[in-house]
C-alpha atoms as a PDB file:
ATOM      1  CA  MET A   1       3.917  66.329 -97.417  1.00  0.00           C
ATOM      2  CA  THR A   2       4.999  63.264 -95.438  1.00  0.00           C
ATOM      3  CA  THR A   3       3.826  63.183 -91.844  1.00  0.00           C
ATOM      4  CA  LYS A   4       6.431  62.144 -89.280  1.00  0.00           C
ATOM      5  CA  THR A   5       5.161  60.150 -86.324  1.00  0.00           C
ATOM      6  CA  VAL A   6       6.545  60.656 -82.827  1.00  0.00           C
ATOM      7  CA  HIS A   7       5.725  57.830 -80.430  1.00  0.00           C
ATOM      8  CA  ALA A   8       4.984  58.578 -76.793  1.00  0.00           C
ATOM      9  CA  ALA A   9       5.096  55.597 -74.453  1.00  0.00           C
ATOM     10  CA  VAL A  10       2.149  55.161 -72.087  1.00  0.00           C
ATOM     11  CA  TYR A  11       1.892  52.935 -69.034  1.00  0.00           C
ATOM     12  CA  ASP A  12       0.233  52.937 -65.622  1.00  0.00           C
ATOM     13  CA  THR A  13       1.367  55.757 -63.280  1.00  0.00           C
ATOM     14  CA  LEU A  14       2.755  57.780 -66.207  1.00  0.00           C
ATOM     15  CA  ALA A  15       3.672  61.221 -64.856  1.00  0.00           C
ATOM     16  CA  ASP A  16       1.243  63.457 -66.753  1.00  0.00           C
ATOM     17  CA  TRP A  17       3.113  66.743 -66.416  1.00  0.00           C
ATOM     18  CA  GLU A  18       6.443  65.516 -67.750  1.00  0.00           C
ATOM     19  CA  ILE A  19       5.734  65.142 -71.479  1.00  0.00           C
ATOM     20  CA  GLY A  20       2.655  67.310 -72.021  1.00  0.00           C
ATOM     21  CA  ALA A  21       4.576  70.393 -73.122  1.00  0.00           C
ATOM     22  CA  ALA A  22       6.455  68.338 -75.704  1.00  0.00           C
ATOM     23  CA  THR A  23       3.556  66.346 -77.127  1.00  0.00           C
ATOM     24  CA  ALA A  24       1.127  69.277 -77.187  1.00  0.00           C
ATOM     25  CA  HIS A  25       3.485  71.433 -79.214  1.00  0.00           C
ATOM     26  CA  ILE A  26       4.549  68.652 -81.555  1.00  0.00           C
ATOM     27  CA  ASN A  27       0.858  68.327 -82.432  1.00  0.00           C
ATOM     28  CA  ASN A  28       0.182  72.086 -82.530  1.00  0.00           C
ATOM     29  CA  PRO A  29       0.992  73.532 -85.994  1.00  0.00           C
ATOM     30  CA  GLU A  30       1.310  77.103 -84.674  1.00  0.00           C
ATOM     31  CA  TRP A  31       4.831  78.555 -85.172  1.00  0.00           C
ATOM     32  CA  GLN A  32       6.094  75.356 -86.817  1.00  0.00           C
ATOM     33  CA  VAL A  33       8.508  75.397 -89.743  1.00  0.00           C
ATOM     34  CA  ALA A  34       6.227  73.054 -91.688  1.00  0.00           C
ATOM     35  CA  PRO A  35       2.793  72.922 -90.011  1.00  0.00           C
ATOM     36  CA  GLY A  36       1.230  69.487 -89.979  1.00  0.00           C
ATOM     37  CA  THR A  37       4.532  67.661 -90.408  1.00  0.00           C
ATOM     38  CA  PHE A  38       4.306  65.854 -87.073  1.00  0.00           C
ATOM     39  CA  GLU A  39       1.794  63.714 -85.229  1.00  0.00           C
ATOM     40  CA  VAL A  40       2.009  61.987 -81.856  1.00  0.00           C
ATOM     41  CA  ARG A  41       0.836  58.415 -81.385  1.00  0.00           C
ATOM     42  CA  THR A  42       0.861  56.516 -78.122  1.00  0.00           C
ATOM     43  CA  VAL A  43       2.503  53.129 -77.651  1.00  0.00           C
ATOM     44  CA  GLY A  44       1.802  50.641 -74.869  1.00  0.00           C
ATOM     45  CA  LEU A  45       2.775  47.127 -73.895  1.00  0.00           C
ATOM     46  CA  THR A  46      -0.728  46.143 -75.016  1.00  0.00           C
ATOM     47  CA  LYS A  47      -3.715  48.048 -76.343  1.00  0.00           C
ATOM     48  CA  ASP A  48      -5.394  47.885 -72.954  1.00  0.00           C
ATOM     49  CA  PRO A  49      -6.063  51.365 -71.509  1.00  0.00           C
ATOM     50  CA  ILE A  50      -3.578  52.635 -68.951  1.00  0.00           C
ATOM     51  CA  THR A  51      -4.162  55.030 -66.063  1.00  0.00           C
ATOM     52  CA  THR A  52      -1.806  57.970 -65.616  1.00  0.00           C
ATOM     53  CA  LYS A  53      -0.644  59.282 -62.256  1.00  0.00           C
ATOM     54  CA  GLY A  54      -3.255  62.012 -62.641  1.00  0.00           C
ATOM     55  CA  GLY A  55      -6.023  59.450 -63.132  1.00  0.00           C
ATOM     56  CA  LEU A  56      -6.484  59.900 -66.888  1.00  0.00           C
ATOM     57  CA  ARG A  57      -7.305  56.836 -68.978  1.00  0.00           C
ATOM     58  CA  VAL A  58      -5.352  56.464 -72.222  1.00  0.00           C
ATOM     59  CA  ALA A  59      -5.840  53.752 -74.842  1.00  0.00           C
ATOM     60  CA  PRO A  60      -2.549  53.106 -76.700  1.00  0.00           C
ATOM     61  CA  ASP A  61      -2.574  53.502 -80.487  1.00  0.00           C
ATOM     62  CA  VAL A  62       0.232  51.013 -81.076  1.00  0.00           C
ATOM     63  CA  VAL A  63       1.580  47.910 -79.353  1.00  0.00           C
ATOM     64  CA  LEU A  64       5.264  48.152 -78.450  1.00  0.00           C
ATOM     65  CA  ALA A  65       6.168  44.799 -80.030  1.00  0.00           C
ATOM     66  CA  ASP A  66       4.891  46.089 -83.397  1.00  0.00           C
ATOM     67  CA  LEU A  67       6.860  49.353 -83.291  1.00  0.00           C
ATOM     68  CA  THR A  68      10.077  49.648 -85.291  1.00  0.00           C
ATOM     69  CA  PRO A  69      12.482  52.608 -85.565  1.00  0.00           C
ATOM     70  CA  ALA A  70      11.594  52.894 -89.249  1.00  0.00           C
ATOM     71  CA  ASP A  71       8.043  53.809 -88.196  1.00  0.00           C
ATOM     72  CA  SER A  72       9.084  56.693 -86.001  1.00  0.00           C
ATOM     73  CA  ALA A  73      10.853  60.049 -85.752  1.00  0.00           C
ATOM     74  CA  MET A  74      11.383  59.720 -81.989  1.00  0.00           C
ATOM     75  CA  LEU A  75      10.426  57.634 -78.961  1.00  0.00           C
ATOM     76  CA  ILE A  76       9.418  59.638 -75.880  1.00  0.00           C
ATOM     77  CA  LEU A  77       9.548  57.909 -72.489  1.00  0.00           C
ATOM     78  CA  PRO A  78       7.821  59.588 -69.522  1.00  0.00           C
ATOM     79  CA  GLY A  79       8.513  58.756 -65.919  1.00  0.00           C
ATOM     80  CA  ALA A  80       6.385  56.301 -63.925  1.00  0.00           C
ATOM     81  CA  ASP A  81       6.503  54.604 -60.540  1.00  0.00           C
ATOM     82  CA  THR A  82       7.379  51.258 -62.130  1.00  0.00           C
ATOM     83  CA  TRP A  83      10.627  52.142 -63.914  1.00  0.00           C
ATOM     84  CA  VAL A  84      12.852  50.787 -61.132  1.00  0.00           C
ATOM     85  CA  GLY A  85      11.398  47.290 -61.519  1.00  0.00           C
ATOM     86  CA  PRO A  86      11.261  44.873 -64.477  1.00  0.00           C
ATOM     87  CA  GLU A  87       7.792  45.878 -65.727  1.00  0.00           C
ATOM     88  CA  LEU A  88       8.940  48.548 -68.188  1.00  0.00           C
ATOM     89  CA  GLU A  89      12.180  46.910 -69.329  1.00  0.00           C
ATOM     90  CA  PRO A  90      10.656  46.206 -72.791  1.00  0.00           C
ATOM     91  CA  PHE A  91      10.542  49.974 -73.348  1.00  0.00           C
ATOM     92  CA  ALA A  92      14.240  50.271 -72.443  1.00  0.00           C
ATOM     93  CA  HIS A  93      15.039  47.445 -74.875  1.00  0.00           C
ATOM     94  CA  LYS A  94      13.060  49.266 -77.563  1.00  0.00           C
ATOM     95  CA  ALA A  95      14.968  52.462 -76.763  1.00  0.00           C
ATOM     96  CA  ARG A  96      18.219  50.621 -77.481  1.00  0.00           C
ATOM     97  CA  GLU A  97      16.784  49.436 -80.792  1.00  0.00           C
ATOM     98  CA  PHE A  98      15.891  53.023 -81.684  1.00  0.00           C
ATOM     99  CA  VAL A  99      19.271  54.473 -80.726  1.00  0.00           C
ATOM    100  CA  GLU A 100      21.159  51.779 -82.601  1.00  0.00           C
ATOM    101  CA  ALA A 101      19.058  52.629 -85.677  1.00  0.00           C
ATOM    102  CA  GLY A 102      19.892  56.336 -85.318  1.00  0.00           C
ATOM    103  CA  VAL A 103      16.404  57.373 -84.179  1.00  0.00           C
ATOM    104  CA  PRO A 104      16.303  59.703 -81.134  1.00  0.00           C
ATOM    105  CA  VAL A 105      14.979  58.676 -77.742  1.00  0.00           C
ATOM    106  CA  ALA A 106      13.838  61.200 -75.122  1.00  0.00           C
ATOM    107  CA  ALA A 107      13.601  60.092 -71.482  1.00  0.00           C
ATOM    108  CA  ILE A 108      12.543  62.045 -68.427  1.00  0.00           C
ATOM    109  CA  CYS A 109      12.478  61.239 -64.712  1.00  0.00           C
ATOM    110  CA  GLY A 110      12.194  57.505 -63.959  1.00  0.00           C
ATOM    111  CA  SER A 111      12.678  56.460 -67.558  1.00  0.00           C
ATOM    112  CA  THR A 112      16.281  57.686 -67.340  1.00  0.00           C
ATOM    113  CA  PHE A 113      16.773  54.842 -64.840  1.00  0.00           C
ATOM    114  CA  GLY A 114      15.611  52.424 -67.522  1.00  0.00           C
ATOM    115  CA  LEU A 115      18.070  53.838 -70.055  1.00  0.00           C
ATOM    116  CA  ALA A 116      20.876  53.671 -67.494  1.00  0.00           C
ATOM    117  CA  LYS A 117      20.087  50.045 -66.690  1.00  0.00           C
ATOM    118  CA  GLU A 118      20.043  49.290 -70.425  1.00  0.00           C
ATOM    119  CA  GLY A 119      23.573  50.730 -70.755  1.00  0.00           C
ATOM    120  CA  LEU A 120      22.534  53.641 -72.956  1.00  0.00           C
ATOM    121  CA  LEU A 121      23.987  56.250 -70.581  1.00  0.00           C
ATOM    122  CA  ASP A 122      27.346  54.585 -69.961  1.00  0.00           C
ATOM    123  CA  SER A 123      29.162  56.795 -72.473  1.00  0.00           C
ATOM    124  CA  ARG A 124      26.760  59.690 -73.074  1.00  0.00           C
ATOM    125  CA  LYS A 125      26.324  62.947 -71.204  1.00  0.00           C
ATOM    126  CA  HIS A 126      23.039  62.727 -69.349  1.00  0.00           C
ATOM    127  CA  THR A 127      20.975  63.905 -66.423  1.00  0.00           C
ATOM    128  CA  SER A 128      18.102  62.715 -64.246  1.00  0.00           C
ATOM    129  CA  ASN A 129      16.329  63.677 -61.032  1.00  0.00           C
ATOM    130  CA  VAL A 130      19.544  63.335 -59.006  1.00  0.00           C
ATOM    131  CA  ALA A 131      22.804  61.530 -59.725  1.00  0.00           C
ATOM    132  CA  GLU A 132      22.289  59.083 -56.845  1.00  0.00           C
ATOM    133  CA  PHE A 133      19.056  57.812 -58.403  1.00  0.00           C
ATOM    134  CA  LEU A 134      20.885  56.401 -61.416  1.00  0.00           C
ATOM    135  CA  VAL A 135      23.633  54.806 -59.333  1.00  0.00           C
ATOM    136  CA  TYR A 136      21.118  52.211 -58.142  1.00  0.00           C
ATOM    137  CA  SER A 137      20.704  51.030 -61.747  1.00  0.00           C
ATOM    138  CA  GLY A 138      24.211  49.566 -61.620  1.00  0.00           C
ATOM    139  CA  TYR A 139      25.276  51.508 -64.696  1.00  0.00           C
ATOM    140  CA  SER A 140      28.821  52.598 -65.537  1.00  0.00           C
ATOM    141  CA  GLY A 141      28.138  56.149 -66.684  1.00  0.00           C
ATOM    142  CA  ALA A 142      28.194  58.168 -63.459  1.00  0.00           C
ATOM    143  CA  GLU A 143      31.181  60.209 -64.662  1.00  0.00           C
ATOM    144  CA  HIS A 144      29.037  61.500 -67.553  1.00  0.00           C
ATOM    145  CA  TYR A 145      26.246  62.798 -65.325  1.00  0.00           C
ATOM    146  CA  VAL A 146      25.559  66.521 -65.833  1.00  0.00           C
ATOM    147  CA  GLN A 147      23.743  68.631 -63.251  1.00  0.00           C
ATOM    148  CA  GLN A 148      21.388  70.312 -65.725  1.00  0.00           C
ATOM    149  CA  PRO A 149      17.603  70.228 -66.240  1.00  0.00           C
ATOM    150  CA  ALA A 150      17.910  68.504 -69.642  1.00  0.00           C
ATOM    151  CA  VAL A 151      20.770  67.145 -71.740  1.00  0.00           C
ATOM    152  CA  THR A 152      21.096  65.859 -75.304  1.00  0.00           C
ATOM    153  CA  ASP A 153      23.963  63.647 -76.437  1.00  0.00           C
ATOM    154  CA  ASP A 154      24.214  61.291 -79.395  1.00  0.00           C
ATOM    155  CA  ASN A 155      20.474  60.870 -80.068  1.00  0.00           C
ATOM    156  CA  VAL A 156      19.558  60.500 -76.391  1.00  0.00           C
ATOM    157  CA  ILE A 157      17.701  63.222 -74.466  1.00  0.00           C
ATOM    158  CA  THR A 158      17.451  62.989 -70.690  1.00  0.00           C
ATOM    159  CA  ALA A 159      15.771  65.300 -68.196  1.00  0.00           C
ATOM    160  CA  SER A 160      14.725  65.786 -64.595  1.00  0.00           C
ATOM    161  CA  SER A 161      11.086  65.397 -63.571  1.00  0.00           C
ATOM    162  CA  THR A 162      11.046  69.086 -62.610  1.00  0.00           C
ATOM    163  CA  ALA A 163      12.065  70.244 -66.098  1.00  0.00           C
ATOM    164  CA  PRO A 164       9.161  69.575 -68.502  1.00  0.00           C
ATOM    165  CA  PHE A 165       9.804  72.727 -70.547  1.00  0.00           C
ATOM    166  CA  GLU A 166      13.554  72.149 -70.803  1.00  0.00           C
ATOM    167  CA  PHE A 167      12.751  68.577 -71.837  1.00  0.00           C
ATOM    168  CA  ALA A 168      10.287  69.843 -74.442  1.00  0.00           C
ATOM    169  CA  ARG A 169      12.855  72.335 -75.756  1.00  0.00           C
ATOM    170  CA  GLU A 170      15.325  69.504 -76.368  1.00  0.00           C
ATOM    171  CA  VAL A 171      12.645  67.343 -78.000  1.00  0.00           C
ATOM    172  CA  LEU A 172      11.342  70.108 -80.264  1.00  0.00           C
ATOM    173  CA  GLY A 173      14.901  71.086 -81.176  1.00  0.00           C
ATOM    174  CA  ALA A 174      15.933  67.533 -82.036  1.00  0.00           C
ATOM    175  CA  LEU A 175      12.893  67.129 -84.275  1.00  0.00           C
ATOM    176  CA  GLY A 176      13.363  70.532 -85.934  1.00  0.00           C
ATOM    177  CA  VAL A 177       9.771  71.525 -85.195  1.00  0.00           C
ATOM    178  CA  TYR A 178      10.669  75.240 -84.914  1.00  0.00           C
ATOM    179  CA  GLU A 179      13.333  77.480 -86.343  1.00  0.00           C
ATOM    180  CA  PRO A 180      16.039  78.041 -83.677  1.00  0.00           C
ATOM    181  CA  HIS A 181      15.015  81.610 -82.831  1.00  0.00           C
ATOM    182  CA  ILE A 182      11.355  80.562 -82.557  1.00  0.00           C
ATOM    183  CA  LEU A 183      12.294  77.656 -80.294  1.00  0.00           C
ATOM    184  CA  ASP A 184      14.157  80.116 -78.084  1.00  0.00           C
ATOM    185  CA  ALA A 185      11.123  82.426 -77.950  1.00  0.00           C
ATOM    186  CA  TRP A 186       8.829  79.454 -77.282  1.00  0.00           C
ATOM    187  CA  TYR A 187      10.952  78.430 -74.307  1.00  0.00           C
ATOM    188  CA  ARG A 188      11.162  81.968 -72.922  1.00  0.00           C
ATOM    189  CA  LEU A 189       7.379  82.298 -73.130  1.00  0.00           C
ATOM    190  CA  PHE A 190       6.346  78.988 -71.610  1.00  0.00           C
ATOM    191  CA  ALA A 191       9.163  78.513 -69.096  1.00  0.00           C
ATOM    192  CA  HIS A 192       9.649  82.137 -68.030  1.00  0.00           C
ATOM    193  CA  SER A 193       6.466  84.000 -69.065  1.00  0.00           C
ATOM    194  CA  ASP A 194       8.553  86.468 -71.080  1.00  0.00           C
ATOM    195  CA  PRO A 195       6.141  88.978 -72.689  1.00  0.00           C
ATOM    196  CA  ALA A 196       8.712  89.880 -75.345  1.00  0.00           C
ATOM    197  CA  ALA A 197       8.711  86.251 -76.451  1.00  0.00           C
ATOM    198  CA  TYR A 198       4.928  86.346 -76.895  1.00  0.00           C
ATOM    199  CA  VAL A 199       5.252  89.381 -79.155  1.00  0.00           C
ATOM    200  CA  GLU A 200       8.016  87.661 -81.149  1.00  0.00           C
ATOM    201  CA  LEU A 201       5.906  84.531 -81.681  1.00  0.00           C
ATOM    202  CA  ASP A 202       2.791  86.511 -82.575  1.00  0.00           C
ATOM    203  CA  THR A 203       4.715  88.645 -85.069  1.00  0.00           C
ATOM    204  CA  TYR A 204       6.213  85.522 -86.638  1.00  0.00           C
ATOM    205  CA  GLU A 205       2.819  83.835 -87.005  1.00  0.00           C
ATOM    206  CA  GLN A 206       1.229  86.940 -88.544  1.00  0.00           C
ATOM    207  CA  ALA A 207       4.090  87.271 -91.015  1.00  0.00           C
ATOM    208  CA  LYS A 208       3.658  83.628 -92.046  1.00  0.00           C
ATOM    209  CA  SER A 209      -0.104  84.050 -92.516  1.00  0.00           C
ATOM    210  CA  HIS A 210       0.465  86.980 -94.892  1.00  0.00           C
ATOM    211  CA  ALA A 211       3.320  85.395 -96.816  1.00  0.00           C
END
């Protein structure tokens, strides 16, 4: 079985809560169509440790300059305080490289500003924290803004900072981590605490273990 690597970008002031639901369940084999198919590796501008907004120290696995779309199943970009400046532009450039190669990119919160500035949202349906936030990027895609927690269009996922589970649902769906009905149950459980969804997931996992 070939393992597919998903790359999660890491940089100072990374918003911890925004990508945790996605990365944790990419790495967790429970309920997956093919357990163990995916792994998450972190990518930074350098291999120097970064400090998240929550104060966690993370040492990147990979240097951004060495990453190519052929190495990856998806690039995940969390929000950070520095997306509105030039510091993280290399990640936006890499996102363009990924999209042009047909490899999905998932951006949440401030990183949507980076994609907008890079021109990747000019012709795609997208969302962000608020529409006005992206206007300051100078992009030309305001007419394609959608007032939804998370949106997927043409290999680009965008989401609001307040929608980590909707973001994760789009990410997990794009990767094919779960069967569609299991993804739906996963979302109902973690986003809405639906007890029926817990029973559905537990029944599914028990059936797989006895197959």
